[in-house]
Amino acid sequence: VVAMALHGRTMAQHYAGKADWDTIATLVDELDIPVLG
């Protein structure tokens, strides 16, 4: 796979609360492919 997009919420949250952008930053550090937020 050449890129991955991450919605910063869990399944349980649906669209509630605030998206956790820290998880997106963590994934950026973890992968070599482009990460989309």
PDB file of all heavy atoms in Angstrom:
ATOM      1  N   VAL A   1       0.861  -1.188   0.000  1.00  0.00           N
ATOM      2  CA  VAL A   1       0.000   0.000   0.000  1.00  0.00           C
ATOM      3  C   VAL A   1       0.897   1.238   0.000  1.00  0.00           C
ATOM      4  O   VAL A   1       1.908   1.293   0.708  1.00  0.00           O
ATOM      5  CB  VAL A   1      -0.929  -0.019   1.239  1.00  0.00           C
ATOM      6  CG1 VAL A   1      -1.539   1.347   1.498  1.00  0.00           C
ATOM      7  CG2 VAL A   1      -2.017  -1.061   1.051  1.00  0.00           C
ATOM      8  N   VAL A   2       0.532   2.266  -0.777  1.00  0.00           N
ATOM      9  CA  VAL A   2       1.439   3.396  -0.977  1.00  0.00           C
ATOM     10  C   VAL A   2       1.119   4.606  -0.103  1.00  0.00           C
ATOM     11  O   VAL A   2       1.904   5.558  -0.056  1.00  0.00           O
ATOM     12  CB  VAL A   2       1.476   3.824  -2.453  1.00  0.00           C
ATOM     13  CG1 VAL A   2       1.991   2.688  -3.323  1.00  0.00           C
ATOM     14  CG2 VAL A   2       0.104   4.279  -2.927  1.00  0.00           C
ATOM     15  N   ALA A   3      -0.030   4.602   0.582  1.00  0.00           N
ATOM     16  CA  ALA A   3      -0.368   5.696   1.505  1.00  0.00           C
ATOM     17  C   ALA A   3      -1.510   5.224   2.392  1.00  0.00           C
ATOM     18  O   ALA A   3      -2.261   4.308   2.037  1.00  0.00           O
ATOM     19  CB  ALA A   3      -0.772   6.966   0.747  1.00  0.00           C
ATOM     20  N   MET A   4      -1.660   5.883   3.542  1.00  0.00           N
ATOM     21  CA  MET A   4      -2.697   5.505   4.498  1.00  0.00           C
ATOM     22  C   MET A   4      -3.310   6.759   5.101  1.00  0.00           C
ATOM     23  O   MET A   4      -2.597   7.683   5.507  1.00  0.00           O
ATOM     24  CB  MET A   4      -2.096   4.636   5.603  1.00  0.00           C
ATOM     25  CG  MET A   4      -3.060   4.278   6.728  1.00  0.00           C
ATOM     26  SD  MET A   4      -2.275   3.126   7.893  1.00  0.00           S
ATOM     27  CE  MET A   4      -3.544   3.012   9.165  1.00  0.00           C
ATOM     28  N   ALA A   5      -4.627   6.780   5.154  1.00  0.00           N
ATOM     29  CA  ALA A   5      -5.351   7.879   5.789  1.00  0.00           C
ATOM     30  C   ALA A   5      -5.896   7.399   7.124  1.00  0.00           C
ATOM     31  O   ALA A   5      -6.431   6.291   7.225  1.00  0.00           O
ATOM     32  CB  ALA A   5      -6.493   8.361   4.904  1.00  0.00           C
ATOM     33  N   LEU A   6      -5.764   8.228   8.145  1.00  0.00           N
ATOM     34  CA  LEU A   6      -6.246   7.880   9.477  1.00  0.00           C
ATOM     35  C   LEU A   6      -7.232   8.923   9.969  1.00  0.00           C
ATOM     36  O   LEU A   6      -6.912  10.116  10.057  1.00  0.00           O
ATOM     37  CB  LEU A   6      -5.083   7.787  10.461  1.00  0.00           C
ATOM     38  CG  LEU A   6      -5.465   7.463  11.915  1.00  0.00           C
ATOM     39  CD1 LEU A   6      -6.111   6.081  12.011  1.00  0.00           C
ATOM     40  CD2 LEU A   6      -4.251   7.556  12.832  1.00  0.00           C
ATOM     41  N   HIS A   7      -8.458   8.471  10.275  1.00  0.00           N
ATOM     42  CA  HIS A   7      -9.426   9.312  10.970  1.00  0.00           C
ATOM     43  C   HIS A   7      -9.110   9.193  12.453  1.00  0.00           C
ATOM     44  O   HIS A   7      -9.135   8.093  13.011  1.00  0.00           O
ATOM     45  CB  HIS A   7     -10.852   8.826  10.678  1.00  0.00           C
ATOM     46  CG  HIS A   7     -11.909   9.700  11.279  1.00  0.00           C
ATOM     47  ND1 HIS A   7     -13.206   9.712  10.808  1.00  0.00           N
ATOM     48  CD2 HIS A   7     -11.890  10.586  12.297  1.00  0.00           C
ATOM     49  CE1 HIS A   7     -13.925  10.574  11.527  1.00  0.00           C
ATOM     50  NE2 HIS A   7     -13.136  11.091  12.438  1.00  0.00           N
ATOM     51  N   GLY A   8      -8.844  10.325  13.092  1.00  0.00           N
ATOM     52  CA  GLY A   8      -8.394  10.325  14.472  1.00  0.00           C
ATOM     53  C   GLY A   8      -9.491  10.082  15.492  1.00  0.00           C
ATOM     54  O   GLY A   8      -9.550  10.770  16.514  1.00  0.00           O
ATOM     55  N   ARG A   9     -10.365   9.132  15.228  1.00  0.00           N
ATOM     56  CA  ARG A   9     -11.393   8.712  16.171  1.00  0.00           C
ATOM     57  C   ARG A   9     -11.484   7.188  16.162  1.00  0.00           C
ATOM     58  O   ARG A   9     -11.127   6.541  15.181  1.00  0.00           O
ATOM     59  CB  ARG A   9     -12.765   9.302  15.814  1.00  0.00           C
ATOM     60  CG  ARG A   9     -12.936  10.783  16.105  1.00  0.00           C
ATOM     61  CD  ARG A   9     -14.367  11.226  15.800  1.00  0.00           C
ATOM     62  NE  ARG A   9     -14.631  12.589  16.237  1.00  0.00           N
ATOM     63  CZ  ARG A   9     -14.415  13.676  15.499  1.00  0.00           C
ATOM     64  NH1 ARG A   9     -13.922  13.526  14.283  1.00  0.00           N
ATOM     65  NH2 ARG A   9     -14.680  14.875  15.968  1.00  0.00           N
ATOM     66  N   THR A  10     -12.018   6.628  17.242  1.00  0.00           N
ATOM     67  CA  THR A  10     -12.279   5.200  17.276  1.00  0.00           C
ATOM     68  C   THR A  10     -13.655   4.904  16.682  1.00  0.00           C
ATOM     69  O   THR A  10     -14.462   5.812  16.464  1.00  0.00           O
ATOM     70  CB  THR A  10     -12.254   4.685  18.715  1.00  0.00           C
ATOM     71  OG1 THR A  10     -13.321   5.299  19.454  1.00  0.00           O
ATOM     72  CG2 THR A  10     -10.920   4.980  19.394  1.00  0.00           C
ATOM     73  N   MET A  11     -13.905   3.633  16.476  1.00  0.00           N
ATOM     74  CA  MET A  11     -15.223   3.209  16.023  1.00  0.00           C
ATOM     75  C   MET A  11     -16.288   3.605  17.032  1.00  0.00           C
ATOM     76  O   MET A  11     -17.383   4.039  16.669  1.00  0.00           O
ATOM     77  CB  MET A  11     -15.216   1.692  15.822  1.00  0.00           C
ATOM     78  CG  MET A  11     -16.492   1.107  15.281  1.00  0.00           C
ATOM     79  SD  MET A  11     -16.383  -0.683  15.196  1.00  0.00           S
ATOM     80  CE  MET A  11     -16.880  -1.115  16.864  1.00  0.00           C
ATOM     81  N   ALA A  12     -15.981   3.443  18.321  1.00  0.00           N
ATOM     82  CA  ALA A  12     -16.954   3.757  19.368  1.00  0.00           C
ATOM     83  C   ALA A  12     -17.337   5.235  19.358  1.00  0.00           C
ATOM     84  O   ALA A  12     -18.468   5.591  19.683  1.00  0.00           O
ATOM     85  CB  ALA A  12     -16.397   3.367  20.741  1.00  0.00           C
ATOM     86  N   GLN A  13     -16.414   6.089  18.970  1.00  0.00           N
ATOM     87  CA  GLN A  13     -16.692   7.527  18.969  1.00  0.00           C
ATOM     88  C   GLN A  13     -17.627   7.944  17.841  1.00  0.00           C
ATOM     89  O   GLN A  13     -18.271   8.985  17.933  1.00  0.00           O
ATOM     90  CB  GLN A  13     -15.384   8.310  18.827  1.00  0.00           C
ATOM     91  CG  GLN A  13     -14.553   8.396  20.092  1.00  0.00           C
ATOM     92  CD  GLN A  13     -13.292   9.207  19.851  1.00  0.00           C
ATOM     93  OE1 GLN A  13     -12.313   8.708  19.304  1.00  0.00           O
ATOM     94  NE2 GLN A  13     -13.338  10.474  20.227  1.00  0.00           N
ATOM     95  N   HIS A  14     -17.667   7.189  16.751  1.00  0.00           N
ATOM     96  CA  HIS A  14     -18.377   7.637  15.553  1.00  0.00           C
ATOM     97  C   HIS A  14     -17.818   9.012  15.176  1.00  0.00           C
ATOM     98  O   HIS A  14     -16.696   9.120  14.746  1.00  0.00           O
ATOM     99  CB  HIS A  14     -19.877   7.671  15.791  1.00  0.00           C
ATOM    100  CG  HIS A  14     -20.498   6.308  15.774  1.00  0.00           C
ATOM    101  ND1 HIS A  14     -21.514   5.962  14.922  1.00  0.00           N
ATOM    102  CD2 HIS A  14     -20.247   5.189  16.512  1.00  0.00           C
ATOM    103  CE1 HIS A  14     -21.863   4.709  15.112  1.00  0.00           C
ATOM    104  NE2 HIS A  14     -21.096   4.218  16.074  1.00  0.00           N
ATOM    105  N   TYR A  15     -18.607  10.087  15.356  1.00  0.00           N
ATOM    106  CA  TYR A  15     -18.107  11.438  15.075  1.00  0.00           C
ATOM    107  C   TYR A  15     -18.153  12.311  16.324  1.00  0.00           C
ATOM    108  O   TYR A  15     -18.080  13.543  16.238  1.00  0.00           O
ATOM    109  CB  TYR A  15     -18.922  12.069  13.934  1.00  0.00           C
ATOM    110  CG  TYR A  15     -18.769  11.300  12.651  1.00  0.00           C
ATOM    111  CD1 TYR A  15     -19.695  10.325  12.291  1.00  0.00           C
ATOM    112  CD2 TYR A  15     -17.681  11.513  11.818  1.00  0.00           C
ATOM    113  CE1 TYR A  15     -19.541   9.585  11.127  1.00  0.00           C
ATOM    114  CE2 TYR A  15     -17.516  10.781  10.653  1.00  0.00           C
ATOM    115  CZ  TYR A  15     -18.448   9.818  10.318  1.00  0.00           C
ATOM    116  OH  TYR A  15     -18.281   9.083   9.175  1.00  0.00           O
ATOM    117  N   ALA A  16     -18.272  11.683  17.481  1.00  0.00           N
ATOM    118  CA  ALA A  16     -18.374  12.421  18.744  1.00  0.00           C
ATOM    119  C   ALA A  16     -16.994  12.889  19.215  1.00  0.00           C
ATOM    120  O   ALA A  16     -15.957  12.389  18.778  1.00  0.00           O
ATOM    121  CB  ALA A  16     -19.016  11.537  19.806  1.00  0.00           C
ATOM    122  N   GLY A  17     -17.024  13.852  20.123  1.00  0.00           N
ATOM    123  CA  GLY A  17     -15.792  14.311  20.736  1.00  0.00           C
ATOM    124  C   GLY A  17     -14.864  14.988  19.742  1.00  0.00           C
ATOM    125  O   GLY A  17     -15.270  15.448  18.676  1.00  0.00           O
ATOM    126  N   LYS A  18     -13.614  15.030  20.101  1.00  0.00           N
ATOM    127  CA  LYS A  18     -12.600  15.698  19.287  1.00  0.00           C
ATOM    128  C   LYS A  18     -11.672  14.664  18.679  1.00  0.00           C
ATOM    129  O   LYS A  18     -11.269  13.705  19.346  1.00  0.00           O
ATOM    130  CB  LYS A  18     -11.790  16.671  20.158  1.00  0.00           C
ATOM    131  CG  LYS A  18     -10.799  17.524  19.394  1.00  0.00           C
ATOM    132  CD  LYS A  18     -10.113  18.506  20.321  1.00  0.00           C
ATOM    133  CE  LYS A  18      -9.118  19.382  19.542  1.00  0.00           C
ATOM    134  NZ  LYS A  18      -8.411  20.331  20.446  1.00  0.00           N
ATOM    135  N   ALA A  19     -11.331  14.835  17.419  1.00  0.00           N
ATOM    136  CA  ALA A  19     -10.399  13.923  16.762  1.00  0.00           C
ATOM    137  C   ALA A  19      -9.030  14.012  17.430  1.00  0.00           C
ATOM    138  O   ALA A  19      -8.556  15.097  17.771  1.00  0.00           O
ATOM    139  CB  ALA A  19     -10.286  14.256  15.281  1.00  0.00           C
ATOM    140  N   ASP A  20      -8.401  12.869  17.612  1.00  0.00           N
ATOM    141  CA  ASP A  20      -7.094  12.791  18.263  1.00  0.00           C
ATOM    142  C   ASP A  20      -6.005  12.869  17.194  1.00  0.00           C
ATOM    143  O   ASP A  20      -5.622  11.863  16.612  1.00  0.00           O
ATOM    144  CB  ASP A  20      -6.998  11.484  19.059  1.00  0.00           C
ATOM    145  CG  ASP A  20      -5.689  11.352  19.822  1.00  0.00           C
ATOM    146  OD1 ASP A  20      -4.845  12.271  19.713  1.00  0.00           O
ATOM    147  OD2 ASP A  20      -5.514  10.331  20.519  1.00  0.00           O
ATOM    148  N   TRP A  21      -5.519  14.071  16.972  1.00  0.00           N
ATOM    149  CA  TRP A  21      -4.493  14.256  15.959  1.00  0.00           C
ATOM    150  C   TRP A  21      -3.154  13.663  16.385  1.00  0.00           C
ATOM    151  O   TRP A  21      -2.296  13.407  15.530  1.00  0.00           O
ATOM    152  CB  TRP A  21      -4.342  15.746  15.640  1.00  0.00           C
ATOM    153  CG  TRP A  21      -5.508  16.345  14.925  1.00  0.00           C
ATOM    154  CD1 TRP A  21      -6.650  15.705  14.520  1.00  0.00           C
ATOM    155  CD2 TRP A  21      -5.647  17.706  14.508  1.00  0.00           C
ATOM    156  NE1 TRP A  21      -7.503  16.578  13.884  1.00  0.00           N
ATOM    157  CE2 TRP A  21      -6.915  17.817  13.859  1.00  0.00           C
ATOM    158  CE3 TRP A  21      -4.857  18.833  14.610  1.00  0.00           C
ATOM    159  CZ2 TRP A  21      -7.375  19.024  13.329  1.00  0.00           C
ATOM    160  CZ3 TRP A  21      -5.311  20.042  14.087  1.00  0.00           C
ATOM    161  CH2 TRP A  21      -6.550  20.131  13.443  1.00  0.00           C
ATOM    162  N   ASP A  22      -2.952  13.433  17.686  1.00  0.00           N
ATOM    163  CA  ASP A  22      -1.692  12.834  18.139  1.00  0.00           C
ATOM    164  C   ASP A  22      -1.491  11.450  17.519  1.00  0.00           C
ATOM    165  O   ASP A  22      -0.352  11.048  17.244  1.00  0.00           O
ATOM    166  CB  ASP A  22      -1.663  12.719  19.668  1.00  0.00           C
ATOM    167  CG  ASP A  22      -1.507  14.063  20.357  1.00  0.00           C
ATOM    168  OD1 ASP A  22      -1.085  15.036  19.688  1.00  0.00           O
ATOM    169  OD2 ASP A  22      -1.788  14.144  21.567  1.00  0.00           O
ATOM    170  N   THR A  23      -2.575  10.705  17.326  1.00  0.00           N
ATOM    171  CA  THR A  23      -2.434   9.382  16.721  1.00  0.00           C
ATOM    172  C   THR A  23      -1.945   9.486  15.288  1.00  0.00           C
ATOM    173  O   THR A  23      -1.185   8.629  14.813  1.00  0.00           O
ATOM    174  CB  THR A  23      -3.772   8.613  16.764  1.00  0.00           C
ATOM    175  OG1 THR A  23      -4.777   9.362  16.067  1.00  0.00           O
ATOM    176  CG2 THR A  23      -4.221   8.372  18.194  1.00  0.00           C
ATOM    177  N   ILE A  24      -2.369  10.524  14.602  1.00  0.00           N
ATOM    178  CA  ILE A  24      -1.907  10.736  13.228  1.00  0.00           C
ATOM    179  C   ILE A  24      -0.406  11.012  13.229  1.00  0.00           C
ATOM    180  O   ILE A  24       0.346  10.459  12.418  1.00  0.00           O
ATOM    181  CB  ILE A  24      -2.682  11.894  12.570  1.00  0.00           C
ATOM    182  CG1 ILE A  24      -4.178  11.560  12.510  1.00  0.00           C
ATOM    183  CG2 ILE A  24      -2.138  12.192  11.170  1.00  0.00           C
ATOM    184  CD1 ILE A  24      -5.069  12.735  12.134  1.00  0.00           C
ATOM    185  N   ALA A  25       0.044  11.839  14.171  1.00  0.00           N
ATOM    186  CA  ALA A  25       1.476  12.130  14.293  1.00  0.00           C
ATOM    187  C   ALA A  25       2.266  10.872  14.622  1.00  0.00           C
ATOM    188  O   ALA A  25       3.373  10.651  14.095  1.00  0.00           O
ATOM    189  CB  ALA A  25       1.697  13.193  15.370  1.00  0.00           C
ATOM    190  N   THR A  26       1.708  10.021  15.484  1.00  0.00           N
ATOM    191  CA  THR A  26       2.375   8.758  15.832  1.00  0.00           C
ATOM    192  C   THR A  26       2.518   7.876  14.609  1.00  0.00           C
ATOM    193  O   THR A  26       3.570   7.256  14.380  1.00  0.00           O
ATOM    194  CB  THR A  26       1.574   8.019  16.919  1.00  0.00           C
ATOM    195  OG1 THR A  26       1.523   8.826  18.091  1.00  0.00           O
ATOM    196  CG2 THR A  26       2.212   6.680  17.255  1.00  0.00           C
ATOM    197  N   LEU A  27       1.474   7.810  13.788  1.00  0.00           N
ATOM    198  CA  LEU A  27       1.518   6.981  12.581  1.00  0.00           C
ATOM    199  C   LEU A  27       2.527   7.538  11.583  1.00  0.00           C
ATOM    200  O   LEU A  27       3.223   6.772  10.905  1.00  0.00           O
ATOM    201  CB  LEU A  27       0.125   6.899  11.957  1.00  0.00           C
ATOM    202  CG  LEU A  27      -0.061   5.875  10.843  1.00  0.00           C
ATOM    203  CD1 LEU A  27       0.148   4.462  11.373  1.00  0.00           C
ATOM    204  CD2 LEU A  27      -1.448   6.003  10.214  1.00  0.00           C
ATOM    205  N   VAL A  28       2.614   8.852  11.479  1.00  0.00           N
ATOM    206  CA  VAL A  28       3.615   9.477  10.604  1.00  0.00           C
ATOM    207  C   VAL A  28       5.009   9.014  10.992  1.00  0.00           C
ATOM    208  O   VAL A  28       5.845   8.673  10.129  1.00  0.00           O
ATOM    209  CB  VAL A  28       3.512  11.014  10.668  1.00  0.00           C
ATOM    210  CG1 VAL A  28       4.708  11.667   9.986  1.00  0.00           C
ATOM    211  CG2 VAL A  28       2.219  11.500  10.030  1.00  0.00           C
ATOM    212  N   ASP A  29       5.292   8.986  12.288  1.00  0.00           N
ATOM    213  CA  ASP A  29       6.610   8.553  12.767  1.00  0.00           C
ATOM    214  C   ASP A  29       6.846   7.063  12.532  1.00  0.00           C
ATOM    215  O   ASP A  29       7.992   6.630  12.360  1.00  0.00           O
ATOM    216  CB  ASP A  29       6.747   8.858  14.261  1.00  0.00           C
ATOM    217  CG  ASP A  29       6.843  10.343  14.556  1.00  0.00           C
ATOM    218  OD1 ASP A  29       7.205  11.102  13.633  1.00  0.00           O
ATOM    219  OD2 ASP A  29       6.551  10.748  15.695  1.00  0.00           O
ATOM    220  N   GLU A  30       5.781   6.278  12.527  1.00  0.00           N
ATOM    221  CA  GLU A  30       5.897   4.823  12.447  1.00  0.00           C
ATOM    222  C   GLU A  30       6.112   4.322  11.024  1.00  0.00           C
ATOM    223  O   GLU A  30       6.844   3.342  10.809  1.00  0.00           O
ATOM    224  CB  GLU A  30       4.626   4.182  13.015  1.00  0.00           C
ATOM    225  CG  GLU A  30       4.591   2.676  12.980  1.00  0.00           C
ATOM    226  CD  GLU A  30       5.602   2.020  13.901  1.00  0.00           C
ATOM    227  OE1 GLU A  30       6.011   2.666  14.890  1.00  0.00           O
ATOM    228  OE2 GLU A  30       5.999   0.880  13.628  1.00  0.00           O
ATOM    229  N   LEU A  31       5.499   4.985  10.038  1.00  0.00           N
ATOM    230  CA  LEU A  31       5.506   4.465   8.672  1.00  0.00           C
ATOM    231  C   LEU A  31       6.455   5.241   7.764  1.00  0.00           C
ATOM    232  O   LEU A  31       6.773   6.407   8.005  1.00  0.00           O
ATOM    233  CB  LEU A  31       4.091   4.516   8.086  1.00  0.00           C
ATOM    234  CG  LEU A  31       2.998   3.733   8.820  1.00  0.00           C
ATOM    235  CD1 LEU A  31       1.685   3.817   8.046  1.00  0.00           C
ATOM    236  CD2 LEU A  31       3.399   2.283   9.046  1.00  0.00           C
ATOM    237  N   ASP A  32       6.854   4.571   6.692  1.00  0.00           N
ATOM    238  CA  ASP A  32       7.669   5.220   5.663  1.00  0.00           C
ATOM    239  C   ASP A  32       6.818   5.755   4.520  1.00  0.00           C
ATOM    240  O   ASP A  32       7.274   6.598   3.750  1.00  0.00           O
ATOM    241  CB  ASP A  32       8.692   4.220   5.111  1.00  0.00           C
ATOM    242  CG  ASP A  32       9.678   3.751   6.172  1.00  0.00           C
ATOM    243  OD1 ASP A  32      10.079   4.583   7.008  1.00  0.00           O
ATOM    244  OD2 ASP A  32      10.026   2.557   6.171  1.00  0.00           O
ATOM    245  N   ILE A  33       5.592   5.234   4.377  1.00  0.00           N
ATOM    246  CA  ILE A  33       4.692   5.709   3.329  1.00  0.00           C
ATOM    247  C   ILE A  33       3.970   6.970   3.794  1.00  0.00           C
ATOM    248  O   ILE A  33       3.901   7.236   5.004  1.00  0.00           O
ATOM    249  CB  ILE A  33       3.672   4.622   2.930  1.00  0.00           C
ATOM    250  CG1 ILE A  33       2.823   4.220   4.146  1.00  0.00           C
ATOM    251  CG2 ILE A  33       4.374   3.431   2.315  1.00  0.00           C
ATOM    252  CD1 ILE A  33       1.720   3.223   3.826  1.00  0.00           C
ATOM    253  N   PRO A  34       3.417   7.766   2.864  1.00  0.00           N
ATOM    254  CA  PRO A  34       2.695   8.975   3.271  1.00  0.00           C
ATOM    255  C   PRO A  34       1.489   8.649   4.148  1.00  0.00           C
ATOM    256  O   PRO A  34       0.751   7.693   3.889  1.00  0.00           O
ATOM    257  CB  PRO A  34       2.246   9.581   1.934  1.00  0.00           C
ATOM    258  CG  PRO A  34       3.187   9.030   0.919  1.00  0.00           C
ATOM    259  CD  PRO A  34       3.523   7.651   1.391  1.00  0.00           C
ATOM    260  N   VAL A  35       1.290   9.456   5.180  1.00  0.00           N
ATOM    261  CA  VAL A  35       0.137   9.344   6.073  1.00  0.00           C
ATOM    262  C   VAL A  35      -0.718  10.588   5.899  1.00  0.00           C
ATOM    263  O   VAL A  35      -0.209  11.719   5.940  1.00  0.00           O
ATOM    264  CB  VAL A  35       0.568   9.201   7.539  1.00  0.00           C
ATOM    265  CG1 VAL A  35      -0.639   9.293   8.470  1.00  0.00           C
ATOM    266  CG2 VAL A  35       1.305   7.880   7.741  1.00  0.00           C
ATOM    267  N   LEU A  36      -2.022  10.382   5.690  1.00  0.00           N
ATOM    268  CA  LEU A  36      -2.961  11.484   5.520  1.00  0.00           C
ATOM    269  C   LEU A  36      -3.820  11.585   6.777  1.00  0.00           C
ATOM    270  O   LEU A  36      -4.216  10.571   7.351  1.00  0.00           O
ATOM    271  CB  LEU A  36      -3.846  11.253   4.299  1.00  0.00           C
ATOM    272  CG  LEU A  36      -3.233  11.418   2.912  1.00  0.00           C
ATOM    273  CD1 LEU A  36      -2.155  10.376   2.641  1.00  0.00           C
ATOM    274  CD2 LEU A  36      -4.297  11.302   1.838  1.00  0.00           C
ATOM    275  N   GLY A  37      -4.119  12.813   7.182  1.00  0.00           N
ATOM    276  CA  GLY A  37      -4.905  13.033   8.384  1.00  0.00           C
ATOM    277  C   GLY A  37      -6.341  13.390   8.078  1.00  0.00           C
ATOM    278  O   GLY A  37      -6.637  14.119   7.129  1.00  0.00           O
TER     279      GLY A  37
END
